[in-house]
Amino acid sequence: IDLLPPILEDLTTRGRADRPTRPWLGLYASDNDGAVVVMGLADDGPAESADLRVGDVLAAVAGEPVEDLAGFFRQIWALGEAGVRVPLTIEREGRPIKLTVTSSDRERFLVSPQLH
């Protein structure tokens, strides 16, 4: 509850906090037996464009091992704001693969209200 007062005015006027947008990859992941596994992908999102696949294990972000789901997101956010390139190491079918995902602003992928 202590986090709300500093951003309350922003929320009421802008609908979100007035700070740089965090990078978004367009993937849905879950902790699974000590690993973070891709469970789904947003259609036409950055992860899908970078050839991430359901079942890929997220092993490292910028060379740092992924410990858990919350840590994975913190590692991505620490790289900068939306648009930053995110170097990932994944495991697919037991083999390590390095790839880079260019993050995006999640709001670009949300359905906007129809204005009359």
PDB file of N, CA and C in Angstrom:
ATOM      1  N   ILE A   1       0.822  -1.190   0.000  1.00  0.00           N
ATOM      2  CA  ILE A   1       0.000   0.000   0.000  1.00  0.00           C
ATOM      3  C   ILE A   1       0.870   1.260   0.000  1.00  0.00           C
ATOM      4  N   ASP A   2       2.069   1.158   0.524  1.00  0.00           N
ATOM      5  CA  ASP A   2       2.956   2.324   0.558  1.00  0.00           C
ATOM      6  C   ASP A   2       3.460   2.719  -0.833  1.00  0.00           C
ATOM      7  N   LEU A   3       3.349   1.830  -1.793  1.00  0.00           N
ATOM      8  CA  LEU A   3       3.807   2.135  -3.140  1.00  0.00           C
ATOM      9  C   LEU A   3       2.789   2.961  -3.929  1.00  0.00           C
ATOM     10  N   LEU A   4       1.545   3.003  -3.485  1.00  0.00           N
ATOM     11  CA  LEU A   4       0.497   3.696  -4.229  1.00  0.00           C
ATOM     12  C   LEU A   4       0.582   5.220  -4.160  1.00  0.00           C
ATOM     13  N   PRO A   5       0.746   5.843  -2.982  1.00  0.00           N
ATOM     14  CA  PRO A   5       0.716   7.316  -2.940  1.00  0.00           C
ATOM     15  C   PRO A   5       1.654   8.022  -3.917  1.00  0.00           C
ATOM     16  N   PRO A   6       2.897   7.560  -4.121  1.00  0.00           N
ATOM     17  CA  PRO A   6       3.770   8.288  -5.058  1.00  0.00           C
ATOM     18  C   PRO A   6       3.303   8.265  -6.512  1.00  0.00           C
ATOM     19  N   ILE A   7       2.494   7.278  -6.889  1.00  0.00           N
ATOM     20  CA  ILE A   7       2.068   7.182  -8.290  1.00  0.00           C
ATOM     21  C   ILE A   7       0.570   7.390  -8.470  1.00  0.00           C
ATOM     22  N   LEU A   8      -0.153   7.679  -7.407  1.00  0.00           N
ATOM     23  CA  LEU A   8      -1.609   7.788  -7.490  1.00  0.00           C
ATOM     24  C   LEU A   8      -2.056   8.856  -8.487  1.00  0.00           C
ATOM     25  N   GLU A   9      -1.435  10.012  -8.457  1.00  0.00           N
ATOM     26  CA  GLU A   9      -1.831  11.072  -9.403  1.00  0.00           C
ATOM     27  C   GLU A   9      -1.571  10.637 -10.845  1.00  0.00           C
ATOM     28  N   ASP A  10      -0.435   9.992 -11.090  1.00  0.00           N
ATOM     29  CA  ASP A  10      -0.141   9.482 -12.435  1.00  0.00           C
ATOM     30  C   ASP A  10      -1.206   8.479 -12.881  1.00  0.00           C
ATOM     31  N   LEU A  11      -1.595   7.601 -11.985  1.00  0.00           N
ATOM     32  CA  LEU A  11      -2.599   6.593 -12.330  1.00  0.00           C
ATOM     33  C   LEU A  11      -3.937   7.222 -12.686  1.00  0.00           C
ATOM     34  N   THR A  12      -4.313   8.268 -11.960  1.00  0.00           N
ATOM     35  CA  THR A  12      -5.613   8.891 -12.226  1.00  0.00           C
ATOM     36  C   THR A  12      -5.587   9.766 -13.475  1.00  0.00           C
ATOM     37  N   THR A  13      -4.446  10.341 -13.820  1.00  0.00           N
ATOM     38  CA  THR A  13      -4.383  11.219 -14.988  1.00  0.00           C
ATOM     39  C   THR A  13      -3.903  10.510 -16.257  1.00  0.00           C
ATOM     40  N   ARG A  14      -2.970   9.571 -16.116  1.00  0.00           N
ATOM     41  CA  ARG A  14      -2.384   8.907 -17.297  1.00  0.00           C
ATOM     42  C   ARG A  14      -2.783   7.439 -17.440  1.00  0.00           C
ATOM     43  N   GLY A  15      -3.255   6.848 -16.338  1.00  0.00           N
ATOM     44  CA  GLY A  15      -3.597   5.432 -16.363  1.00  0.00           C
ATOM     45  C   GLY A  15      -2.426   4.519 -16.051  1.00  0.00           C
ATOM     46  N   ARG A  16      -1.252   5.097 -15.845  1.00  0.00           N
ATOM     47  CA  ARG A  16      -0.054   4.328 -15.477  1.00  0.00           C
ATOM     48  C   ARG A  16       0.967   5.274 -14.855  1.00  0.00           C
ATOM     49  N   ALA A  17       1.965   4.707 -14.223  1.00  0.00           N
ATOM     50  CA  ALA A  17       3.013   5.510 -13.603  1.00  0.00           C
ATOM     51  C   ALA A  17       3.812   6.250 -14.675  1.00  0.00           C
ATOM     52  N   ASP A  18       4.227   7.465 -14.364  1.00  0.00           N
ATOM     53  CA  ASP A  18       5.022   8.274 -15.294  1.00  0.00           C
ATOM     54  C   ASP A  18       6.493   7.935 -15.115  1.00  0.00           C
ATOM     55  N   ARG A  19       6.907   6.865 -15.779  1.00  0.00           N
ATOM     56  CA  ARG A  19       8.304   6.421 -15.762  1.00  0.00           C
ATOM     57  C   ARG A  19       8.561   5.693 -17.074  1.00  0.00           C
ATOM     58  N   PRO A  20       9.806   5.498 -17.404  1.00  0.00           N
ATOM     59  CA  PRO A  20      10.089   4.780 -18.656  1.00  0.00           C
ATOM     60  C   PRO A  20       9.401   3.413 -18.666  1.00  0.00           C
ATOM     61  N   THR A  21       8.926   3.024 -19.825  1.00  0.00           N
ATOM     62  CA  THR A  21       8.226   1.756 -19.971  1.00  0.00           C
ATOM     63  C   THR A  21       9.215   0.599 -19.874  1.00  0.00           C
ATOM     64  N   ARG A  22       8.859  -0.398 -19.094  1.00  0.00           N
ATOM     65  CA  ARG A  22       9.720  -1.568 -18.952  1.00  0.00           C
ATOM     66  C   ARG A  22       9.701  -2.404 -20.222  1.00  0.00           C
ATOM     67  N   PRO A  23      10.811  -3.089 -20.499  1.00  0.00           N
ATOM     68  CA  PRO A  23      10.851  -3.948 -21.674  1.00  0.00           C
ATOM     69  C   PRO A  23       9.896  -5.132 -21.519  1.00  0.00           C
ATOM     70  N   TRP A  24       9.240  -5.487 -22.603  1.00  0.00           N
ATOM     71  CA  TRP A  24       8.288  -6.595 -22.634  1.00  0.00           C
ATOM     72  C   TRP A  24       8.672  -7.521 -23.775  1.00  0.00           C
ATOM     73  N   LEU A  25       8.679  -8.816 -23.502  1.00  0.00           N
ATOM     74  CA  LEU A  25       9.092  -9.788 -24.508  1.00  0.00           C
ATOM     75  C   LEU A  25       7.933 -10.509 -25.165  1.00  0.00           C
ATOM     76  N   GLY A  26       6.761 -10.455 -24.574  1.00  0.00           N
ATOM     77  CA  GLY A  26       5.626 -11.144 -25.167  1.00  0.00           C
ATOM     78  C   GLY A  26       5.684 -12.647 -24.983  1.00  0.00           C
ATOM     79  N   LEU A  27       6.133 -13.061 -23.806  1.00  0.00           N
ATOM     80  CA  LEU A  27       6.118 -14.483 -23.507  1.00  0.00           C
ATOM     81  C   LEU A  27       5.485 -14.705 -22.148  1.00  0.00           C
ATOM     82  N   TYR A  28       4.938 -15.885 -21.989  1.00  0.00           N
ATOM     83  CA  TYR A  28       4.334 -16.286 -20.725  1.00  0.00           C
ATOM     84  C   TYR A  28       5.147 -17.480 -20.243  1.00  0.00           C
ATOM     85  N   ALA A  29       5.639 -17.402 -19.016  1.00  0.00           N
ATOM     86  CA  ALA A  29       6.528 -18.431 -18.505  1.00  0.00           C
ATOM     87  C   ALA A  29       6.081 -18.861 -17.114  1.00  0.00           C
ATOM     88  N   SER A  30       6.636 -19.974 -16.687  1.00  0.00           N
ATOM     89  CA  SER A  30       6.289 -20.529 -15.392  1.00  0.00           C
ATOM     90  C   SER A  30       7.508 -21.209 -14.789  1.00  0.00           C
ATOM     91  N   ASP A  31       7.585 -21.172 -13.444  1.00  0.00           N
ATOM     92  CA  ASP A  31       8.588 -21.976 -12.745  1.00  0.00           C
ATOM     93  C   ASP A  31       8.138 -23.424 -12.842  1.00  0.00           C
ATOM     94  N   ASN A  32       9.040 -24.309 -13.272  1.00  0.00           N
ATOM     95  CA  ASN A  32       8.681 -25.708 -13.450  1.00  0.00           C
ATOM     96  C   ASN A  32       9.872 -26.582 -13.077  1.00  0.00           C
ATOM     97  N   ASP A  33       9.807 -27.243 -11.942  1.00  0.00           N
ATOM     98  CA  ASP A  33      10.876 -28.138 -11.484  1.00  0.00           C
ATOM     99  C   ASP A  33      12.244 -27.460 -11.475  1.00  0.00           C
ATOM    100  N   GLY A  34      12.316 -26.242 -10.929  1.00  0.00           N
ATOM    101  CA  GLY A  34      13.584 -25.536 -10.813  1.00  0.00           C
ATOM    102  C   GLY A  34      14.042 -24.829 -12.071  1.00  0.00           C
ATOM    103  N   ALA A  35      13.204 -24.787 -13.088  1.00  0.00           N
ATOM    104  CA  ALA A  35      13.547 -24.101 -14.333  1.00  0.00           C
ATOM    105  C   ALA A  35      12.412 -23.151 -14.702  1.00  0.00           C
ATOM    106  N   VAL A  36      12.739 -22.109 -15.468  1.00  0.00           N
ATOM    107  CA  VAL A  36      11.727 -21.190 -15.978  1.00  0.00           C
ATOM    108  C   VAL A  36      11.479 -21.585 -17.433  1.00  0.00           C
ATOM    109  N   VAL A  37      10.225 -21.973 -17.715  1.00  0.00           N
ATOM    110  CA  VAL A  37       9.871 -22.547 -19.004  1.00  0.00           C
ATOM    111  C   VAL A  37       8.851 -21.658 -19.710  1.00  0.00           C
ATOM    112  N   VAL A  38       9.053 -21.450 -21.006  1.00  0.00           N
ATOM    113  CA  VAL A  38       8.104 -20.693 -21.820  1.00  0.00           C
ATOM    114  C   VAL A  38       6.837 -21.533 -21.975  1.00  0.00           C
ATOM    115  N   MET A  39       5.708 -20.954 -21.557  1.00  0.00           N
ATOM    116  CA  MET A  39       4.426 -21.661 -21.615  1.00  0.00           C
ATOM    117  C   MET A  39       3.534 -21.141 -22.749  1.00  0.00           C
ATOM    118  N   GLY A  40       3.824 -19.932 -23.223  1.00  0.00           N
ATOM    119  CA  GLY A  40       3.030 -19.355 -24.297  1.00  0.00           C
ATOM    120  C   GLY A  40       3.694 -18.117 -24.851  1.00  0.00           C
ATOM    121  N   LEU A  41       3.233 -17.687 -26.012  1.00  0.00           N
ATOM    122  CA  LEU A  41       3.793 -16.516 -26.688  1.00  0.00           C
ATOM    123  C   LEU A  41       2.661 -15.618 -27.162  1.00  0.00           C
ATOM    124  N   ALA A  42       2.861 -14.320 -27.058  1.00  0.00           N
ATOM    125  CA  ALA A  42       1.898 -13.360 -27.595  1.00  0.00           C
ATOM    126  C   ALA A  42       2.016 -13.362 -29.113  1.00  0.00           C
ATOM    127  N   ASP A  43       0.875 -13.388 -29.790  1.00  0.00           N
ATOM    128  CA  ASP A  43       0.883 -13.367 -31.249  1.00  0.00           C
ATOM    129  C   ASP A  43       1.622 -12.134 -31.765  1.00  0.00           C
ATOM    130  N   ASP A  44       2.572 -12.363 -32.659  1.00  0.00           N
ATOM    131  CA  ASP A  44       3.359 -11.301 -33.292  1.00  0.00           C
ATOM    132  C   ASP A  44       4.178 -10.486 -32.288  1.00  0.00           C
ATOM    133  N   GLY A  45       4.407 -11.028 -31.104  1.00  0.00           N
ATOM    134  CA  GLY A  45       5.202 -10.334 -30.093  1.00  0.00           C
ATOM    135  C   GLY A  45       6.688 -10.516 -30.337  1.00  0.00           C
ATOM    136  N   PRO A  46       7.504  -9.808 -29.565  1.00  0.00           N
ATOM    137  CA  PRO A  46       8.948  -9.878 -29.742  1.00  0.00           C
ATOM    138  C   PRO A  46       9.527 -11.288 -29.595  1.00  0.00           C
ATOM    139  N   ALA A  47       9.057 -12.057 -28.628  1.00  0.00           N
ATOM    140  CA  ALA A  47       9.592 -13.408 -28.428  1.00  0.00           C
ATOM    141  C   ALA A  47       9.279 -14.316 -29.604  1.00  0.00           C
ATOM    142  N   GLU A  48       8.058 -14.224 -30.111  1.00  0.00           N
ATOM    143  CA  GLU A  48       7.683 -15.032 -31.269  1.00  0.00           C
ATOM    144  C   GLU A  48       8.542 -14.647 -32.477  1.00  0.00           C
ATOM    145  N   SER A  49       8.771 -13.355 -32.669  1.00  0.00           N
ATOM    146  CA  SER A  49       9.603 -12.885 -33.789  1.00  0.00           C
ATOM    147  C   SER A  49      11.042 -13.359 -33.677  1.00  0.00           C
ATOM    148  N   ALA A  50      11.513 -13.573 -32.448  1.00  0.00           N
ATOM    149  CA  ALA A  50      12.892 -14.019 -32.225  1.00  0.00           C
ATOM    150  C   ALA A  50      13.018 -15.543 -32.226  1.00  0.00           C
ATOM    151  N   ASP A  51      11.915 -16.243 -32.522  1.00  0.00           N
ATOM    152  CA  ASP A  51      11.867 -17.704 -32.624  1.00  0.00           C
ATOM    153  C   ASP A  51      11.928 -18.427 -31.281  1.00  0.00           C
ATOM    154  N   LEU A  52      11.502 -17.770 -30.204  1.00  0.00           N
ATOM    155  CA  LEU A  52      11.303 -18.512 -28.966  1.00  0.00           C
ATOM    156  C   LEU A  52      10.109 -19.424 -29.162  1.00  0.00           C
ATOM    157  N   ARG A  53      10.099 -20.544 -28.455  1.00  0.00           N
ATOM    158  CA  ARG A  53       9.035 -21.532 -28.630  1.00  0.00           C
ATOM    159  C   ARG A  53       8.539 -22.025 -27.280  1.00  0.00           C
ATOM    160  N   VAL A  54       7.293 -22.463 -27.274  1.00  0.00           N
ATOM    161  CA  VAL A  54       6.735 -23.078 -26.073  1.00  0.00           C
ATOM    162  C   VAL A  54       7.598 -24.287 -25.723  1.00  0.00           C
ATOM    163  N   GLY A  55       7.960 -24.391 -24.455  1.00  0.00           N
ATOM    164  CA  GLY A  55       8.817 -25.479 -23.995  1.00  0.00           C
ATOM    165  C   GLY A  55      10.268 -25.097 -23.836  1.00  0.00           C
ATOM    166  N   ASP A  56      10.681 -23.968 -24.424  1.00  0.00           N
ATOM    167  CA  ASP A  56      12.059 -23.500 -24.240  1.00  0.00           C
ATOM    168  C   ASP A  56      12.298 -23.191 -22.768  1.00  0.00           C
ATOM    169  N   VAL A  57      13.471 -23.549 -22.274  1.00  0.00           N
ATOM    170  CA  VAL A  57      13.868 -23.232 -20.902  1.00  0.00           C
ATOM    171  C   VAL A  57      14.712 -21.961 -20.951  1.00  0.00           C
ATOM    172  N   LEU A  58      14.328 -20.982 -20.142  1.00  0.00           N
ATOM    173  CA  LEU A  58      15.053 -19.709 -20.085  1.00  0.00           C
ATOM    174  C   LEU A  58      16.220 -19.880 -19.116  1.00  0.00           C
ATOM    175  N   ALA A  59      17.424 -20.045 -19.668  1.00  0.00           N
ATOM    176  CA  ALA A  59      18.590 -20.385 -18.858  1.00  0.00           C
ATOM    177  C   ALA A  59      19.374 -19.168 -18.368  1.00  0.00           C
ATOM    178  N   ALA A  60      19.489 -18.124 -19.202  1.00  0.00           N
ATOM    179  CA  ALA A  60      20.291 -16.966 -18.807  1.00  0.00           C
ATOM    180  C   ALA A  60      19.814 -15.717 -19.537  1.00  0.00           C
ATOM    181  N   VAL A  61      19.991 -14.570 -18.875  1.00  0.00           N
ATOM    182  CA  VAL A  61      19.732 -13.254 -19.460  1.00  0.00           C
ATOM    183  C   VAL A  61      21.044 -12.495 -19.403  1.00  0.00           C
ATOM    184  N   ALA A  62      21.555 -12.078 -20.548  1.00  0.00           N
ATOM    185  CA  ALA A  62      22.825 -11.353 -20.637  1.00  0.00           C
ATOM    186  C   ALA A  62      23.939 -12.096 -19.904  1.00  0.00           C
ATOM    187  N   GLY A  63      23.932 -13.419 -20.026  1.00  0.00           N
ATOM    188  CA  GLY A  63      24.982 -14.238 -19.432  1.00  0.00           C
ATOM    189  C   GLY A  63      24.789 -14.592 -17.974  1.00  0.00           C
ATOM    190  N   GLU A  64      23.779 -14.031 -17.338  1.00  0.00           N
ATOM    191  CA  GLU A  64      23.517 -14.313 -15.923  1.00  0.00           C
ATOM    192  C   GLU A  64      22.431 -15.379 -15.807  1.00  0.00           C
ATOM    193  N   PRO A  65      22.677 -16.430 -15.023  1.00  0.00           N
ATOM    194  CA  PRO A  65      21.702 -17.521 -14.914  1.00  0.00           C
ATOM    195  C   PRO A  65      20.342 -17.051 -14.398  1.00  0.00           C
ATOM    196  N   VAL A  66      19.294 -17.648 -14.935  1.00  0.00           N
ATOM    197  CA  VAL A  66      17.930 -17.386 -14.480  1.00  0.00           C
ATOM    198  C   VAL A  66      17.649 -18.338 -13.324  1.00  0.00           C
ATOM    199  N   GLU A  67      17.298 -17.770 -12.168  1.00  0.00           N
ATOM    200  CA  GLU A  67      17.036 -18.580 -10.973  1.00  0.00           C
ATOM    201  C   GLU A  67      15.556 -18.912 -10.818  1.00  0.00           C
ATOM    202  N   ASP A  68      14.707 -17.920 -11.079  1.00  0.00           N
ATOM    203  CA  ASP A  68      13.267 -18.106 -10.928  1.00  0.00           C
ATOM    204  C   ASP A  68      12.551 -17.076 -11.790  1.00  0.00           C
ATOM    205  N   LEU A  69      11.225 -17.186 -11.870  1.00  0.00           N
ATOM    206  CA  LEU A  69      10.454 -16.326 -12.757  1.00  0.00           C
ATOM    207  C   LEU A  69      10.559 -14.856 -12.384  1.00  0.00           C
ATOM    208  N   ALA A  70      10.420 -14.542 -11.101  1.00  0.00           N
ATOM    209  CA  ALA A  70      10.520 -13.140 -10.672  1.00  0.00           C
ATOM    210  C   ALA A  70      11.899 -12.578 -11.004  1.00  0.00           C
ATOM    211  N   GLY A  71      12.934 -13.366 -10.770  1.00  0.00           N
ATOM    212  CA  GLY A  71      14.288 -12.934 -11.091  1.00  0.00           C
ATOM    213  C   GLY A  71      14.488 -12.724 -12.580  1.00  0.00           C
ATOM    214  N   PHE A  72      13.861 -13.565 -13.398  1.00  0.00           N
ATOM    215  CA  PHE A  72      13.941 -13.421 -14.850  1.00  0.00           C
ATOM    216  C   PHE A  72      13.442 -12.044 -15.281  1.00  0.00           C
ATOM    217  N   PHE A  73      12.269 -11.652 -14.773  1.00  0.00           N
ATOM    218  CA  PHE A  73      11.743 -10.340 -15.136  1.00  0.00           C
ATOM    219  C   PHE A  73      12.632  -9.214 -14.610  1.00  0.00           C
ATOM    220  N   ARG A  74      13.147  -9.335 -13.412  1.00  0.00           N
ATOM    221  CA  ARG A  74      14.050  -8.301 -12.874  1.00  0.00           C
ATOM    222  C   ARG A  74      15.303  -8.177 -13.734  1.00  0.00           C
ATOM    223  N   GLN A  75      15.826  -9.298 -14.208  1.00  0.00           N
ATOM    224  CA  GLN A  75      17.014  -9.267 -15.063  1.00  0.00           C
ATOM    225  C   GLN A  75      16.730  -8.522 -16.368  1.00  0.00           C
ATOM    226  N   ILE A  76      15.572  -8.748 -16.929  1.00  0.00           N
ATOM    227  CA  ILE A  76      15.208  -8.053 -18.164  1.00  0.00           C
ATOM    228  C   ILE A  76      15.042  -6.564 -17.897  1.00  0.00           C
ATOM    229  N   TRP A  77      14.298  -6.214 -16.864  1.00  0.00           N
ATOM    230  CA  TRP A  77      14.045  -4.805 -16.556  1.00  0.00           C
ATOM    231  C   TRP A  77      15.336  -4.055 -16.246  1.00  0.00           C
ATOM    232  N   ALA A  78      16.336  -4.733 -15.687  1.00  0.00           N
ATOM    233  CA  ALA A  78      17.608  -4.097 -15.345  1.00  0.00           C
ATOM    234  C   ALA A  78      18.398  -3.692 -16.594  1.00  0.00           C
ATOM    235  N   LEU A  79      18.052  -4.248 -17.743  1.00  0.00           N
ATOM    236  CA  LEU A  79      18.785  -3.930 -18.976  1.00  0.00           C
ATOM    237  C   LEU A  79      18.416  -2.563 -19.556  1.00  0.00           C
ATOM    238  N   GLY A  80      17.273  -2.016 -19.153  1.00  0.00           N
ATOM    239  CA  GLY A  80      16.862  -0.714 -19.678  1.00  0.00           C
ATOM    240  C   GLY A  80      15.376  -0.693 -19.946  1.00  0.00           C
ATOM    241  N   GLU A  81      14.961   0.315 -20.701  1.00  0.00           N
ATOM    242  CA  GLU A  81      13.532   0.467 -20.974  1.00  0.00           C
ATOM    243  C   GLU A  81      13.137  -0.243 -22.265  1.00  0.00           C
ATOM    244  N   ALA A  82      11.843  -0.208 -22.565  1.00  0.00           N
ATOM    245  CA  ALA A  82      11.309  -0.870 -23.755  1.00  0.00           C
ATOM    246  C   ALA A  82      12.123  -0.496 -24.990  1.00  0.00           C
ATOM    247  N   GLY A  83      12.398  -1.489 -25.802  1.00  0.00           N
ATOM    248  CA  GLY A  83      13.209  -1.295 -27.000  1.00  0.00           C
ATOM    249  C   GLY A  83      14.611  -1.856 -26.856  1.00  0.00           C
ATOM    250  N   VAL A  84      15.019  -2.152 -25.629  1.00  0.00           N
ATOM    251  CA  VAL A  84      16.356  -2.690 -25.390  1.00  0.00           C
ATOM    252  C   VAL A  84      16.440  -4.115 -25.952  1.00  0.00           C
ATOM    253  N   ARG A  85      17.622  -4.452 -26.442  1.00  0.00           N
ATOM    254  CA  ARG A  85      17.861  -5.812 -26.932  1.00  0.00           C
ATOM    255  C   ARG A  85      18.211  -6.689 -25.735  1.00  0.00           C
ATOM    256  N   VAL A  86      17.549  -7.842 -25.634  1.00  0.00           N
ATOM    257  CA  VAL A  86      17.705  -8.745 -24.500  1.00  0.00           C
ATOM    258  C   VAL A  86      18.396 -10.024 -24.978  1.00  0.00           C
ATOM    259  N   PRO A  87      19.679 -10.203 -24.609  1.00  0.00           N
ATOM    260  CA  PRO A  87      20.369 -11.434 -24.977  1.00  0.00           C
ATOM    261  C   PRO A  87      19.937 -12.580 -24.054  1.00  0.00           C
ATOM    262  N   LEU A  88      19.450 -13.652 -24.650  1.00  0.00           N
ATOM    263  CA  LEU A  88      18.981 -14.804 -23.886  1.00  0.00           C
ATOM    264  C   LEU A  88      19.772 -16.045 -24.255  1.00  0.00           C
ATOM    265  N   THR A  89      19.942 -16.910 -23.275  1.00  0.00           N
ATOM    266  CA  THR A  89      20.390 -18.270 -23.530  1.00  0.00           C
ATOM    267  C   THR A  89      19.225 -19.158 -23.135  1.00  0.00           C
ATOM    268  N   ILE A  90      18.790 -19.970 -24.078  1.00  0.00           N
ATOM    269  CA  ILE A  90      17.698 -20.887 -23.806  1.00  0.00           C
ATOM    270  C   ILE A  90      18.202 -22.311 -23.983  1.00  0.00           C
ATOM    271  N   GLU A  91      17.443 -23.235 -23.464  1.00  0.00           N
ATOM    272  CA  GLU A  91      17.711 -24.639 -23.732  1.00  0.00           C
ATOM    273  C   GLU A  91      16.509 -25.190 -24.478  1.00  0.00           C
ATOM    274  N   ARG A  92      16.793 -25.774 -25.631  1.00  0.00           N
ATOM    275  CA  ARG A  92      15.742 -26.368 -26.458  1.00  0.00           C
ATOM    276  C   ARG A  92      16.184 -27.791 -26.800  1.00  0.00           C
ATOM    277  N   GLU A  93      15.363 -28.745 -26.403  1.00  0.00           N
ATOM    278  CA  GLU A  93      15.674 -30.155 -26.645  1.00  0.00           C
ATOM    279  C   GLU A  93      17.057 -30.513 -26.114  1.00  0.00           C
ATOM    280  N   GLY A  94      17.394 -29.949 -24.931  1.00  0.00           N
ATOM    281  CA  GLY A  94      18.655 -30.281 -24.273  1.00  0.00           C
ATOM    282  C   GLY A  94      19.877 -29.544 -24.779  1.00  0.00           C
ATOM    283  N   ARG A  95      19.705 -28.672 -25.774  1.00  0.00           N
ATOM    284  CA  ARG A  95      20.849 -27.939 -26.331  1.00  0.00           C
ATOM    285  C   ARG A  95      20.744 -26.462 -26.014  1.00  0.00           C
ATOM    286  N   PRO A  96      21.856 -25.813 -25.648  1.00  0.00           N
ATOM    287  CA  PRO A  96      21.821 -24.361 -25.423  1.00  0.00           C
ATOM    288  C   PRO A  96      21.785 -23.612 -26.748  1.00  0.00           C
ATOM    289  N   ILE A  97      20.981 -22.559 -26.774  1.00  0.00           N
ATOM    290  CA  ILE A  97      20.873 -21.698 -27.951  1.00  0.00           C
ATOM    291  C   ILE A  97      20.910 -20.255 -27.462  1.00  0.00           C
ATOM    292  N   LYS A  98      21.724 -19.431 -28.120  1.00  0.00           N
ATOM    293  CA  LYS A  98      21.773 -18.004 -27.799  1.00  0.00           C
ATOM    294  C   LYS A  98      20.980 -17.246 -28.851  1.00  0.00           C
ATOM    295  N   LEU A  99      20.152 -16.332 -28.379  1.00  0.00           N
ATOM    296  CA  LEU A  99      19.404 -15.469 -29.282  1.00  0.00           C
ATOM    297  C   LEU A  99      19.150 -14.134 -28.602  1.00  0.00           C
ATOM    298  N   THR A 100      18.735 -13.176 -29.392  1.00  0.00           N
ATOM    299  CA  THR A 100      18.461 -11.839 -28.878  1.00  0.00           C
ATOM    300  C   THR A 100      17.033 -11.455 -29.226  1.00  0.00           C
ATOM    301  N   VAL A 101      16.331 -10.940 -28.227  1.00  0.00           N
ATOM    302  CA  VAL A 101      14.957 -10.479 -28.409  1.00  0.00           C
ATOM    303  C   VAL A 101      14.953  -8.966 -28.263  1.00  0.00           C
ATOM    304  N   THR A 102      14.434  -8.268 -29.242  1.00  0.00           N
ATOM    305  CA  THR A 102      14.280  -6.821 -29.119  1.00  0.00           C
ATOM    306  C   THR A 102      12.956  -6.565 -28.423  1.00  0.00           C
ATOM    307  N   SER A 103      13.045  -6.054 -27.205  1.00  0.00           N
ATOM    308  CA  SER A 103      11.855  -5.851 -26.386  1.00  0.00           C
ATOM    309  C   SER A 103      10.972  -4.757 -26.978  1.00  0.00           C
ATOM    310  N   SER A 104       9.769  -4.665 -26.446  1.00  0.00           N
ATOM    311  CA  SER A 104       8.810  -3.687 -26.929  1.00  0.00           C
ATOM    312  C   SER A 104       8.055  -3.089 -25.750  1.00  0.00           C
ATOM    313  N   ASP A 105       7.234  -2.112 -26.061  1.00  0.00           N
ATOM    314  CA  ASP A 105       6.321  -1.519 -25.086  1.00  0.00           C
ATOM    315  C   ASP A 105       5.039  -2.344 -25.148  1.00  0.00           C
ATOM    316  N   ARG A 106       4.673  -2.968 -24.062  1.00  0.00           N
ATOM    317  CA  ARG A 106       3.511  -3.852 -24.026  1.00  0.00           C
ATOM    318  C   ARG A 106       2.228  -3.149 -24.460  1.00  0.00           C
ATOM    319  N   GLU A 107       2.125  -1.859 -24.168  1.00  0.00           N
ATOM    320  CA  GLU A 107       0.906  -1.128 -24.506  1.00  0.00           C
ATOM    321  C   GLU A 107       0.639  -1.098 -26.013  1.00  0.00           C
ATOM    322  N   ARG A 108       1.674  -1.240 -26.830  1.00  0.00           N
ATOM    323  CA  ARG A 108       1.486  -1.275 -28.288  1.00  0.00           C
ATOM    324  C   ARG A 108       0.686  -2.490 -28.733  1.00  0.00           C
ATOM    325  N   PHE A 109       0.667  -3.534 -27.887  1.00  0.00           N
ATOM    326  CA  PHE A 109       0.004  -4.776 -28.243  1.00  0.00           C
ATOM    327  C   PHE A 109      -1.377  -4.909 -27.611  1.00  0.00           C
ATOM    328  N   LEU A 110      -1.747  -3.958 -26.758  1.00  0.00           N
ATOM    329  CA  LEU A 110      -3.054  -4.011 -26.113  1.00  0.00           C
ATOM    330  C   LEU A 110      -4.117  -3.416 -27.026  1.00  0.00           C
ATOM    331  N   VAL A 111      -5.322  -3.894 -26.900  1.00  0.00           N
ATOM    332  CA  VAL A 111      -6.432  -3.364 -27.674  1.00  0.00           C
ATOM    333  C   VAL A 111      -6.848  -2.026 -27.068  1.00  0.00           C
ATOM    334  N   SER A 112      -6.857  -0.988 -27.890  1.00  0.00           N
ATOM    335  CA  SER A 112      -7.226   0.341 -27.425  1.00  0.00           C
ATOM    336  C   SER A 112      -8.743   0.501 -27.478  1.00  0.00           C
ATOM    337  N   PRO A 113      -9.283   1.302 -26.575  1.00  0.00           N
ATOM    338  CA  PRO A 113     -10.731   1.525 -26.620  1.00  0.00           C
ATOM    339  C   PRO A 113     -11.124   2.288 -27.881  1.00  0.00           C
ATOM    340  N   GLN A 114     -12.314   1.995 -28.390  1.00  0.00           N
ATOM    341  CA  GLN A 114     -12.848   2.700 -29.545  1.00  0.00           C
ATOM    342  C   GLN A 114     -13.334   4.084 -29.086  1.00  0.00           C
ATOM    343  N   LEU A 115     -12.858   5.103 -29.727  1.00  0.00           N
ATOM    344  CA  LEU A 115     -13.313   6.475 -29.405  1.00  0.00           C
ATOM    345  C   LEU A 115     -14.279   6.937 -30.478  1.00  0.00           C
ATOM    346  N   HIS A 116     -15.361   7.552 -30.058  1.00  0.00           N
ATOM    347  CA  HIS A 116     -16.386   8.000 -31.023  1.00  0.00           C
ATOM    348  C   HIS A 116     -16.115   9.417 -31.468  1.00  0.00           C
TER     349      HIS A 116
END
